[in-house]
Amino acid sequence: IAFNVSQPSTWQPYVDSMHHFLAAYDDKVQEEKN
């Protein structure tokens, strides 16, 4: 996992991946299903 803090383009893909993965863990989703 490599990125430069001053260059958002280097870390934004990691951030997008995290949001995509955690979509199933959204509080409202969990409250509705589980």
Full PDB file with SEQRES, HELIX, SHEET, SSBOND, CRYST1, ORIGX, SCALE, CONECT and MASTER records, all heavy atoms in Angstrom:
SEQRES   1 A   34  ILE ALA PHE ASN VAL SER GLN PRO SER THR TRP GLN PRO          
SEQRES   2 A   34  TYR VAL ASP SER MET HIS HIS PHE LEU ALA ALA TYR ASP          
SEQRES   3 A   34  ASP LYS VAL GLN GLU GLU LYS ASN                              
HELIX    1 AA1 PRO A    8  LEU A   22  1                                  15    
HELIX    2 AA2 ALA A   23  TYR A   25  5                                   3    
HELIX    3 AA3 ASP A   27  LYS A   33  1                                   7    
CRYST1    1.000    1.000    1.000  90.00  90.00  90.00 P 1           1          
ORIGX1      1.000000  0.000000  0.000000        0.00000                         
ORIGX2      0.000000  1.000000  0.000000        0.00000                         
ORIGX3      0.000000  0.000000  1.000000        0.00000                         
SCALE1      1.000000  0.000000  0.000000        0.00000                         
SCALE2      0.000000  1.000000  0.000000        0.00000                         
SCALE3      0.000000  0.000000  1.000000        0.00000                         
ATOM      1  N   ILE A   1       0.872  -1.170   0.000  1.00  0.00           N  
ATOM      2  CA  ILE A   1       0.000   0.000   0.000  1.00  0.00           C  
ATOM      3  C   ILE A   1       0.909   1.218   0.000  1.00  0.00           C  
ATOM      4  O   ILE A   1       1.550   1.538   1.011  1.00  0.00           O  
ATOM      5  CB  ILE A   1      -0.936  -0.018   1.217  1.00  0.00           C  
ATOM      6  CG1 ILE A   1      -1.877  -1.224   1.104  1.00  0.00           C  
ATOM      7  CG2 ILE A   1      -1.727   1.285   1.327  1.00  0.00           C  
ATOM      8  CD1 ILE A   1      -2.794  -1.415   2.289  1.00  0.00           C  
ATOM      9  N   ALA A   2       0.989   1.851  -1.153  1.00  0.00           N  
ATOM     10  CA  ALA A   2       1.932   2.961  -1.339  1.00  0.00           C  
ATOM     11  C   ALA A   2       1.199   4.188  -1.857  1.00  0.00           C  
ATOM     12  O   ALA A   2       0.403   4.099  -2.798  1.00  0.00           O  
ATOM     13  CB  ALA A   2       3.034   2.550  -2.311  1.00  0.00           C  
ATOM     14  N   PHE A   3       1.460   5.338  -1.241  1.00  0.00           N  
ATOM     15  CA  PHE A   3       0.839   6.584  -1.682  1.00  0.00           C  
ATOM     16  C   PHE A   3       1.596   7.770  -1.109  1.00  0.00           C  
ATOM     17  O   PHE A   3       2.389   7.632  -0.166  1.00  0.00           O  
ATOM     18  CB  PHE A   3      -0.633   6.647  -1.242  1.00  0.00           C  
ATOM     19  CG  PHE A   3      -0.843   6.631   0.243  1.00  0.00           C  
ATOM     20  CD1 PHE A   3      -0.966   7.810   0.971  1.00  0.00           C  
ATOM     21  CD2 PHE A   3      -0.910   5.427   0.944  1.00  0.00           C  
ATOM     22  CE1 PHE A   3      -1.152   7.796   2.342  1.00  0.00           C  
ATOM     23  CE2 PHE A   3      -1.102   5.396   2.324  1.00  0.00           C  
ATOM     24  CZ  PHE A   3      -1.227   6.588   3.019  1.00  0.00           C  
ATOM     25  N   ASN A   4       1.364   8.936  -1.700  1.00  0.00           N  
ATOM     26  CA  ASN A   4       1.908  10.199  -1.210  1.00  0.00           C  
ATOM     27  C   ASN A   4       0.759  11.061  -0.694  1.00  0.00           C  
ATOM     28  O   ASN A   4      -0.221  11.282  -1.414  1.00  0.00           O  
ATOM     29  CB  ASN A   4       2.655  10.948  -2.317  1.00  0.00           C  
ATOM     30  CG  ASN A   4       3.910  10.216  -2.753  1.00  0.00           C  
ATOM     31  OD1 ASN A   4       4.629   9.647  -1.930  1.00  0.00           O  
ATOM     32  ND2 ASN A   4       4.169  10.217  -4.052  1.00  0.00           N  
ATOM     33  N   VAL A   5       0.895  11.523   0.525  1.00  0.00           N  
ATOM     34  CA  VAL A   5      -0.171  12.297   1.154  1.00  0.00           C  
ATOM     35  C   VAL A   5      -0.540  13.525   0.314  1.00  0.00           C  
ATOM     36  O   VAL A   5      -1.718  13.868   0.167  1.00  0.00           O  
ATOM     37  CB  VAL A   5       0.250  12.727   2.573  1.00  0.00           C  
ATOM     38  CG1 VAL A   5      -0.812  13.626   3.208  1.00  0.00           C  
ATOM     39  CG2 VAL A   5       0.485  11.494   3.448  1.00  0.00           C  
ATOM     40  N   SER A   6       0.465  14.173  -0.272  1.00  0.00           N  
ATOM     41  CA  SER A   6       0.236  15.408  -1.020  1.00  0.00           C  
ATOM     42  C   SER A   6      -0.338  15.178  -2.416  1.00  0.00           C  
ATOM     43  O   SER A   6      -0.659  16.131  -3.124  1.00  0.00           O  
ATOM     44  CB  SER A   6       1.537  16.202  -1.135  1.00  0.00           C  
ATOM     45  OG  SER A   6       2.523  15.439  -1.811  1.00  0.00           O  
ATOM     46  N   GLN A   7      -0.481  13.924  -2.823  1.00  0.00           N  
ATOM     47  CA  GLN A   7      -1.016  13.597  -4.135  1.00  0.00           C  
ATOM     48  C   GLN A   7      -2.263  12.717  -3.982  1.00  0.00           C  
ATOM     49  O   GLN A   7      -2.162  11.484  -3.938  1.00  0.00           O  
ATOM     50  CB  GLN A   7       0.031  12.869  -4.978  1.00  0.00           C  
ATOM     51  CG  GLN A   7       1.268  13.703  -5.280  1.00  0.00           C  
ATOM     52  CD  GLN A   7       2.305  12.900  -6.050  1.00  0.00           C  
ATOM     53  OE1 GLN A   7       3.003  12.047  -5.500  1.00  0.00           O  
ATOM     54  NE2 GLN A   7       2.404  13.165  -7.345  1.00  0.00           N  
ATOM     55  N   PRO A   8      -3.443  13.325  -3.909  1.00  0.00           N  
ATOM     56  CA  PRO A   8      -4.682  12.562  -3.711  1.00  0.00           C  
ATOM     57  C   PRO A   8      -4.897  11.448  -4.736  1.00  0.00           C  
ATOM     58  O   PRO A   8      -5.508  10.412  -4.407  1.00  0.00           O  
ATOM     59  CB  PRO A   8      -5.772  13.636  -3.830  1.00  0.00           C  
ATOM     60  CG  PRO A   8      -5.092  14.896  -3.402  1.00  0.00           C  
ATOM     61  CD  PRO A   8      -3.689  14.774  -3.916  1.00  0.00           C  
ATOM     62  N   SER A   9      -4.395  11.624  -5.939  1.00  0.00           N  
ATOM     63  CA  SER A   9      -4.595  10.594  -6.963  1.00  0.00           C  
ATOM     64  C   SER A   9      -3.924   9.280  -6.594  1.00  0.00           C  
ATOM     65  O   SER A   9      -4.306   8.218  -7.101  1.00  0.00           O  
ATOM     66  CB  SER A   9      -4.054  11.080  -8.307  1.00  0.00           C  
ATOM     67  OG  SER A   9      -2.657  11.330  -8.241  1.00  0.00           O  
ATOM     68  N   THR A  10      -2.933   9.332  -5.700  1.00  0.00           N  
ATOM     69  CA  THR A  10      -2.219   8.110  -5.313  1.00  0.00           C  
ATOM     70  C   THR A  10      -2.944   7.337  -4.218  1.00  0.00           C  
ATOM     71  O   THR A  10      -2.744   6.126  -4.077  1.00  0.00           O  
ATOM     72  CB  THR A  10      -0.787   8.422  -4.843  1.00  0.00           C  
ATOM     73  OG1 THR A  10      -0.835   9.263  -3.668  1.00  0.00           O  
ATOM     74  CG2 THR A  10      -0.001   9.128  -5.939  1.00  0.00           C  
ATOM     75  N   TRP A  11      -3.769   8.043  -3.412  1.00  0.00           N  
ATOM     76  CA  TRP A  11      -4.481   7.335  -2.349  1.00  0.00           C  
ATOM     77  C   TRP A  11      -5.982   7.226  -2.565  1.00  0.00           C  
ATOM     78  O   TRP A  11      -6.654   6.417  -1.893  1.00  0.00           O  
ATOM     79  CB  TRP A  11      -4.201   7.949  -0.979  1.00  0.00           C  
ATOM     80  CG  TRP A  11      -4.328   9.440  -0.813  1.00  0.00           C  
ATOM     81  CD1 TRP A  11      -3.311  10.343  -0.762  1.00  0.00           C  
ATOM     82  CD2 TRP A  11      -5.540  10.215  -0.656  1.00  0.00           C  
ATOM     83  NE1 TRP A  11      -3.794  11.625  -0.585  1.00  0.00           N  
ATOM     84  CE2 TRP A  11      -5.165  11.573  -0.508  1.00  0.00           C  
ATOM     85  CE3 TRP A  11      -6.884   9.888  -0.603  1.00  0.00           C  
ATOM     86  CZ2 TRP A  11      -6.085  12.604  -0.330  1.00  0.00           C  
ATOM     87  CZ3 TRP A  11      -7.818  10.909  -0.435  1.00  0.00           C  
ATOM     88  CH2 TRP A  11      -7.417  12.252  -0.299  1.00  0.00           C  
ATOM     89  N   GLN A  12      -6.539   7.957  -3.513  1.00  0.00           N  
ATOM     90  CA  GLN A  12      -7.984   7.890  -3.737  1.00  0.00           C  
ATOM     91  C   GLN A  12      -8.478   6.493  -4.121  1.00  0.00           C  
ATOM     92  O   GLN A  12      -9.551   6.061  -3.657  1.00  0.00           O  
ATOM     93  CB  GLN A  12      -8.395   8.906  -4.811  1.00  0.00           C  
ATOM     94  CG  GLN A  12      -9.912   9.093  -4.928  1.00  0.00           C  
ATOM     95  CD  GLN A  12     -10.507   9.668  -3.653  1.00  0.00           C  
ATOM     96  OE1 GLN A  12     -10.013  10.646  -3.109  1.00  0.00           O  
ATOM     97  NE2 GLN A  12     -11.582   9.037  -3.170  1.00  0.00           N  
ATOM     98  N   PRO A  13      -7.730   5.722  -4.939  1.00  0.00           N  
ATOM     99  CA  PRO A  13      -8.203   4.360  -5.237  1.00  0.00           C  
ATOM    100  C   PRO A  13      -8.365   3.484  -4.002  1.00  0.00           C  
ATOM    101  O   PRO A  13      -9.292   2.665  -3.938  1.00  0.00           O  
ATOM    102  CB  PRO A  13      -7.106   3.810  -6.163  1.00  0.00           C  
ATOM    103  CG  PRO A  13      -6.534   5.025  -6.810  1.00  0.00           C  
ATOM    104  CD  PRO A  13      -6.546   6.084  -5.748  1.00  0.00           C  
ATOM    105  N   TYR A  14      -7.487   3.645  -3.021  1.00  0.00           N  
ATOM    106  CA  TYR A  14      -7.637   2.887  -1.771  1.00  0.00           C  
ATOM    107  C   TYR A  14      -8.908   3.306  -1.038  1.00  0.00           C  
ATOM    108  O   TYR A  14      -9.648   2.461  -0.519  1.00  0.00           O  
ATOM    109  CB  TYR A  14      -6.421   3.105  -0.870  1.00  0.00           C  
ATOM    110  CG  TYR A  14      -5.117   2.624  -1.441  1.00  0.00           C  
ATOM    111  CD1 TYR A  14      -4.087   3.511  -1.744  1.00  0.00           C  
ATOM    112  CD2 TYR A  14      -4.900   1.264  -1.680  1.00  0.00           C  
ATOM    113  CE1 TYR A  14      -2.881   3.074  -2.277  1.00  0.00           C  
ATOM    114  CE2 TYR A  14      -3.690   0.812  -2.208  1.00  0.00           C  
ATOM    115  CZ  TYR A  14      -2.692   1.727  -2.507  1.00  0.00           C  
ATOM    116  OH  TYR A  14      -1.500   1.279  -3.036  1.00  0.00           O  
ATOM    117  N   VAL A  15      -9.157   4.597  -1.002  1.00  0.00           N  
ATOM    118  CA  VAL A  15     -10.347   5.129  -0.331  1.00  0.00           C  
ATOM    119  C   VAL A  15     -11.616   4.625  -1.013  1.00  0.00           C  
ATOM    120  O   VAL A  15     -12.562   4.175  -0.355  1.00  0.00           O  
ATOM    121  CB  VAL A  15     -10.307   6.671  -0.315  1.00  0.00           C  
ATOM    122  CG1 VAL A  15     -11.633   7.237   0.186  1.00  0.00           C  
ATOM    123  CG2 VAL A  15      -9.151   7.168   0.558  1.00  0.00           C  
ATOM    124  N   ASP A  16     -11.635   4.681  -2.341  1.00  0.00           N  
ATOM    125  CA  ASP A  16     -12.809   4.204  -3.087  1.00  0.00           C  
ATOM    126  C   ASP A  16     -13.051   2.719  -2.832  1.00  0.00           C  
ATOM    127  O   ASP A  16     -14.201   2.274  -2.680  1.00  0.00           O  
ATOM    128  CB  ASP A  16     -12.613   4.446  -4.589  1.00  0.00           C  
ATOM    129  CG  ASP A  16     -12.596   5.925  -4.944  1.00  0.00           C  
ATOM    130  OD1 ASP A  16     -13.072   6.739  -4.121  1.00  0.00           O  
ATOM    131  OD2 ASP A  16     -12.098   6.259  -6.044  1.00  0.00           O  
ATOM    132  N   SER A  17     -11.983   1.938  -2.781  1.00  0.00           N  
ATOM    133  CA  SER A  17     -12.095   0.507  -2.515  1.00  0.00           C  
ATOM    134  C   SER A  17     -12.686   0.247  -1.133  1.00  0.00           C  
ATOM    135  O   SER A  17     -13.526  -0.646  -0.960  1.00  0.00           O  
ATOM    136  CB  SER A  17     -10.720  -0.151  -2.641  1.00  0.00           C  
ATOM    137  OG  SER A  17     -10.782  -1.520  -2.279  1.00  0.00           O  
ATOM    138  N   MET A  18     -12.269   1.024  -0.163  1.00  0.00           N  
ATOM    139  CA  MET A  18     -12.781   0.872   1.203  1.00  0.00           C  
ATOM    140  C   MET A  18     -14.268   1.180   1.268  1.00  0.00           C  
ATOM    141  O   MET A  18     -15.052   0.444   1.886  1.00  0.00           O  
ATOM    142  CB  MET A  18     -12.002   1.779   2.146  1.00  0.00           C  
ATOM    143  CG  MET A  18     -10.548   1.400   2.332  1.00  0.00           C  
ATOM    144  SD  MET A  18     -10.301   0.063   3.523  1.00  0.00           S  
ATOM    145  CE  MET A  18     -10.292   1.009   5.050  1.00  0.00           C  
ATOM    146  N   HIS A  19     -14.699   2.268   0.646  1.00  0.00           N  
ATOM    147  CA  HIS A  19     -16.123   2.631   0.651  1.00  0.00           C  
ATOM    148  C   HIS A  19     -16.958   1.555  -0.040  1.00  0.00           C  
ATOM    149  O   HIS A  19     -18.041   1.201   0.429  1.00  0.00           O  
ATOM    150  CB  HIS A  19     -16.331   3.985  -0.029  1.00  0.00           C  
ATOM    151  CG  HIS A  19     -16.042   5.156   0.855  1.00  0.00           C  
ATOM    152  ND1 HIS A  19     -16.785   5.436   1.996  1.00  0.00           N  
ATOM    153  CD2 HIS A  19     -15.087   6.131   0.783  1.00  0.00           C  
ATOM    154  CE1 HIS A  19     -16.309   6.525   2.577  1.00  0.00           C  
ATOM    155  NE2 HIS A  19     -15.279   6.956   1.868  1.00  0.00           N  
ATOM    156  N   HIS A  20     -16.447   1.034  -1.149  1.00  0.00           N  
ATOM    157  CA  HIS A  20     -17.171  -0.011  -1.876  1.00  0.00           C  
ATOM    158  C   HIS A  20     -17.316  -1.263  -1.006  1.00  0.00           C  
ATOM    159  O   HIS A  20     -18.400  -1.858  -0.926  1.00  0.00           O  
ATOM    160  CB  HIS A  20     -16.431  -0.339  -3.173  1.00  0.00           C  
ATOM    161  CG  HIS A  20     -17.070  -1.446  -3.959  1.00  0.00           C  
ATOM    162  ND1 HIS A  20     -18.223  -1.271  -4.691  1.00  0.00           N  
ATOM    163  CD2 HIS A  20     -16.715  -2.755  -4.124  1.00  0.00           C  
ATOM    164  CE1 HIS A  20     -18.560  -2.411  -5.264  1.00  0.00           C  
ATOM    165  NE2 HIS A  20     -17.655  -3.322  -4.940  1.00  0.00           N  
ATOM    166  N   PHE A  21     -16.233  -1.655  -0.358  1.00  0.00           N  
ATOM    167  CA  PHE A  21     -16.261  -2.858   0.479  1.00  0.00           C  
ATOM    168  C   PHE A  21     -17.206  -2.693   1.672  1.00  0.00           C  
ATOM    169  O   PHE A  21     -17.927  -3.626   2.044  1.00  0.00           O  
ATOM    170  CB  PHE A  21     -14.849  -3.171   0.964  1.00  0.00           C  
ATOM    171  CG  PHE A  21     -14.780  -4.341   1.908  1.00  0.00           C  
ATOM    172  CD1 PHE A  21     -14.946  -5.639   1.449  1.00  0.00           C  
ATOM    173  CD2 PHE A  21     -14.551  -4.139   3.267  1.00  0.00           C  
ATOM    174  CE1 PHE A  21     -14.889  -6.719   2.320  1.00  0.00           C  
ATOM    175  CE2 PHE A  21     -14.491  -5.209   4.138  1.00  0.00           C  
ATOM    176  CZ  PHE A  21     -14.660  -6.503   3.666  1.00  0.00           C  
ATOM    177  N   LEU A  22     -17.218  -1.507   2.265  1.00  0.00           N  
ATOM    178  CA  LEU A  22     -18.000  -1.284   3.480  1.00  0.00           C  
ATOM    179  C   LEU A  22     -19.469  -0.947   3.217  1.00  0.00           C  
ATOM    180  O   LEU A  22     -20.242  -0.782   4.166  1.00  0.00           O  
ATOM    181  CB  LEU A  22     -17.370  -0.171   4.321  1.00  0.00           C  
ATOM    182  CG  LEU A  22     -16.070  -0.551   5.046  1.00  0.00           C  
ATOM    183  CD1 LEU A  22     -15.457   0.667   5.724  1.00  0.00           C  
ATOM    184  CD2 LEU A  22     -16.331  -1.653   6.078  1.00  0.00           C  
ATOM    185  N   ALA A  23     -19.870  -0.859   1.952  1.00  0.00           N  
ATOM    186  CA  ALA A  23     -21.263  -0.535   1.643  1.00  0.00           C  
ATOM    187  C   ALA A  23     -22.222  -1.537   2.291  1.00  0.00           C  
ATOM    188  O   ALA A  23     -23.294  -1.161   2.795  1.00  0.00           O  
ATOM    189  CB  ALA A  23     -21.471  -0.499   0.130  1.00  0.00           C  
ATOM    190  N   ALA A  24     -21.843  -2.803   2.316  1.00  0.00           N  
ATOM    191  CA  ALA A  24     -22.699  -3.837   2.914  1.00  0.00           C  
ATOM    192  C   ALA A  24     -22.763  -3.725   4.428  1.00  0.00           C  
ATOM    193  O   ALA A  24     -23.630  -4.348   5.066  1.00  0.00           O  
ATOM    194  CB  ALA A  24     -22.187  -5.218   2.515  1.00  0.00           C  
ATOM    195  N   TYR A  25     -21.857  -2.936   5.006  1.00  0.00           N  
ATOM    196  CA  TYR A  25     -21.806  -2.770   6.458  1.00  0.00           C  
ATOM    197  C   TYR A  25     -22.477  -1.472   6.918  1.00  0.00           C  
ATOM    198  O   TYR A  25     -22.445  -1.164   8.110  1.00  0.00           O  
ATOM    199  CB  TYR A  25     -20.353  -2.782   6.935  1.00  0.00           C  
ATOM    200  CG  TYR A  25     -19.659  -4.124   6.794  1.00  0.00           C  
ATOM    201  CD1 TYR A  25     -19.050  -4.488   5.600  1.00  0.00           C  
ATOM    202  CD2 TYR A  25     -19.610  -5.020   7.859  1.00  0.00           C  
ATOM    203  CE1 TYR A  25     -18.404  -5.705   5.465  1.00  0.00           C  
ATOM    204  CE2 TYR A  25     -18.962  -6.240   7.738  1.00  0.00           C  
ATOM    205  CZ  TYR A  25     -18.361  -6.587   6.540  1.00  0.00           C  
ATOM    206  OH  TYR A  25     -17.738  -7.802   6.419  1.00  0.00           O  
ATOM    207  N   ASP A  26     -23.043  -0.709   5.992  1.00  0.00           N  
ATOM    208  CA  ASP A  26     -23.727   0.523   6.385  1.00  0.00           C  
ATOM    209  C   ASP A  26     -24.723   0.229   7.493  1.00  0.00           C  
ATOM    210  O   ASP A  26     -25.439  -0.792   7.453  1.00  0.00           O  
ATOM    211  CB  ASP A  26     -24.454   1.139   5.184  1.00  0.00           C  
ATOM    212  CG  ASP A  26     -23.502   1.854   4.239  1.00  0.00           C  
ATOM    213  OD1 ASP A  26     -22.349   2.108   4.637  1.00  0.00           O  
ATOM    214  OD2 ASP A  26     -23.913   2.158   3.104  1.00  0.00           O  
ATOM    215  N   ASP A  27     -24.801   1.108   8.456  1.00  0.00           N  
ATOM    216  CA  ASP A  27     -25.660   0.871   9.617  1.00  0.00           C  
ATOM    217  C   ASP A  27     -27.097   0.564   9.224  1.00  0.00           C  
ATOM    218  O   ASP A  27     -27.727  -0.361   9.761  1.00  0.00           O  
ATOM    219  CB  ASP A  27     -25.611   2.079  10.551  1.00  0.00           C  
ATOM    220  CG  ASP A  27     -24.280   2.181  11.285  1.00  0.00           C  
ATOM    221  OD1 ASP A  27     -23.281   1.602  10.803  1.00  0.00           O  
ATOM    222  OD2 ASP A  27     -24.233   2.829  12.349  1.00  0.00           O  
ATOM    223  N   LYS A  28     -27.648   1.327   8.284  1.00  0.00           N  
ATOM    224  CA  LYS A  28     -29.045   1.120   7.873  1.00  0.00           C  
ATOM    225  C   LYS A  28     -29.229  -0.232   7.209  1.00  0.00           C  
ATOM    226  O   LYS A  28     -30.234  -0.919   7.421  1.00  0.00           O  
ATOM    227  CB  LYS A  28     -29.483   2.233   6.929  1.00  0.00           C  
ATOM    228  CG  LYS A  28     -29.684   3.578   7.619  1.00  0.00           C  
ATOM    229  CD  LYS A  28     -30.226   4.621   6.653  1.00  0.00           C  
ATOM    230  CE  LYS A  28     -30.458   5.951   7.362  1.00  0.00           C  
ATOM    231  NZ  LYS A  28     -30.986   6.989   6.428  1.00  0.00           N  
ATOM    232  N   VAL A  29     -28.260  -0.637   6.398  1.00  0.00           N  
ATOM    233  CA  VAL A  29     -28.325  -1.945   5.737  1.00  0.00           C  
ATOM    234  C   VAL A  29     -28.332  -3.062   6.768  1.00  0.00           C  
ATOM    235  O   VAL A  29     -29.120  -4.010   6.688  1.00  0.00           O  
ATOM    236  CB  VAL A  29     -27.149  -2.121   4.757  1.00  0.00           C  
ATOM    237  CG1 VAL A  29     -27.106  -3.544   4.194  1.00  0.00           C  
ATOM    238  CG2 VAL A  29     -27.239  -1.112   3.627  1.00  0.00           C  
ATOM    239  N   GLN A  30     -27.449  -2.956   7.747  1.00  0.00           N  
ATOM    240  CA  GLN A  30     -27.362  -3.982   8.788  1.00  0.00           C  
ATOM    241  C   GLN A  30     -28.625  -4.026   9.645  1.00  0.00           C  
ATOM    242  O   GLN A  30     -29.100  -5.101  10.017  1.00  0.00           O  
ATOM    243  CB  GLN A  30     -26.137  -3.725   9.665  1.00  0.00           C  
ATOM    244  CG  GLN A  30     -24.811  -4.023   8.975  1.00  0.00           C  
ATOM    245  CD  GLN A  30     -24.611  -5.496   8.710  1.00  0.00           C  
ATOM    246  OE1 GLN A  30     -24.801  -6.340   9.576  1.00  0.00           O  
ATOM    247  NE2 GLN A  30     -24.247  -5.828   7.475  1.00  0.00           N  
ATOM    248  N   GLU A  31     -29.181  -2.866   9.965  1.00  0.00           N  
ATOM    249  CA  GLU A  31     -30.398  -2.825  10.775  1.00  0.00           C  
ATOM    250  C   GLU A  31     -31.582  -3.445  10.051  1.00  0.00           C  
ATOM    251  O   GLU A  31     -32.459  -4.061  10.670  1.00  0.00           O  
ATOM    252  CB  GLU A  31     -30.710  -1.376  11.161  1.00  0.00           C  
ATOM    253  CG  GLU A  31     -29.734  -0.806  12.183  1.00  0.00           C  
ATOM    254  CD  GLU A  31     -29.871   0.705  12.339  1.00  0.00           C  
ATOM    255  OE1 GLU A  31     -30.739   1.299  11.649  1.00  0.00           O  
ATOM    256  OE2 GLU A  31     -29.121   1.288  13.138  1.00  0.00           O  
ATOM    257  N   GLU A  32     -31.615  -3.295   8.724  1.00  0.00           N  
ATOM    258  CA  GLU A  32     -32.717  -3.848   7.936  1.00  0.00           C  
ATOM    259  C   GLU A  32     -32.601  -5.359   7.754  1.00  0.00           C  
ATOM    260  O   GLU A  32     -33.603  -6.077   7.789  1.00  0.00           O  
ATOM    261  CB  GLU A  32     -32.761  -3.175   6.559  1.00  0.00           C  
ATOM    262  CG  GLU A  32     -33.216  -1.720   6.591  1.00  0.00           C  
ATOM    263  CD  GLU A  32     -33.099  -1.057   5.223  1.00  0.00           C  
ATOM    264  OE1 GLU A  32     -32.668  -1.737   4.260  1.00  0.00           O  
ATOM    265  OE2 GLU A  32     -33.428   0.137   5.122  1.00  0.00           O  
ATOM    266  N   LYS A  33     -31.377  -5.855   7.579  1.00  0.00           N  
ATOM    267  CA  LYS A  33     -31.191  -7.259   7.221  1.00  0.00           C  
ATOM    268  C   LYS A  33     -30.884  -8.175   8.402  1.00  0.00           C  
ATOM    269  O   LYS A  33     -31.257  -9.352   8.382  1.00  0.00           O  
ATOM    270  CB  LYS A  33     -30.059  -7.381   6.195  1.00  0.00           C  
ATOM    271  CG  LYS A  33     -30.392  -6.799   4.826  1.00  0.00           C  
ATOM    272  CD  LYS A  33     -29.266  -7.097   3.843  1.00  0.00           C  
ATOM    273  CE  LYS A  33     -29.624  -6.645   2.434  1.00  0.00           C  
ATOM    274  NZ  LYS A  33     -28.549  -6.969   1.458  1.00  0.00           N  
ATOM    275  N   ASN A  34     -30.192  -7.639   9.410  1.00  0.00           N  
ATOM    276  CA  ASN A  34     -29.672  -8.502  10.462  1.00  0.00           C  
ATOM    277  C   ASN A  34     -30.194  -8.112  11.844  1.00  0.00           C  
ATOM    278  O   ASN A  34     -30.841  -7.082  12.016  1.00  0.00           O  
ATOM    279  CB  ASN A  34     -28.143  -8.494  10.430  1.00  0.00           C  
ATOM    280  CG  ASN A  34     -27.607  -9.095   9.142  1.00  0.00           C  
ATOM    281  OD1 ASN A  34     -28.251  -9.944   8.532  1.00  0.00           O  
ATOM    282  ND2 ASN A  34     -26.438  -8.648   8.710  1.00  0.00           N  
TER     283      ASN A  34                                                      
MASTER        0    0    0    3    0    0    0    6  282    1    0    3          
END                                                                             
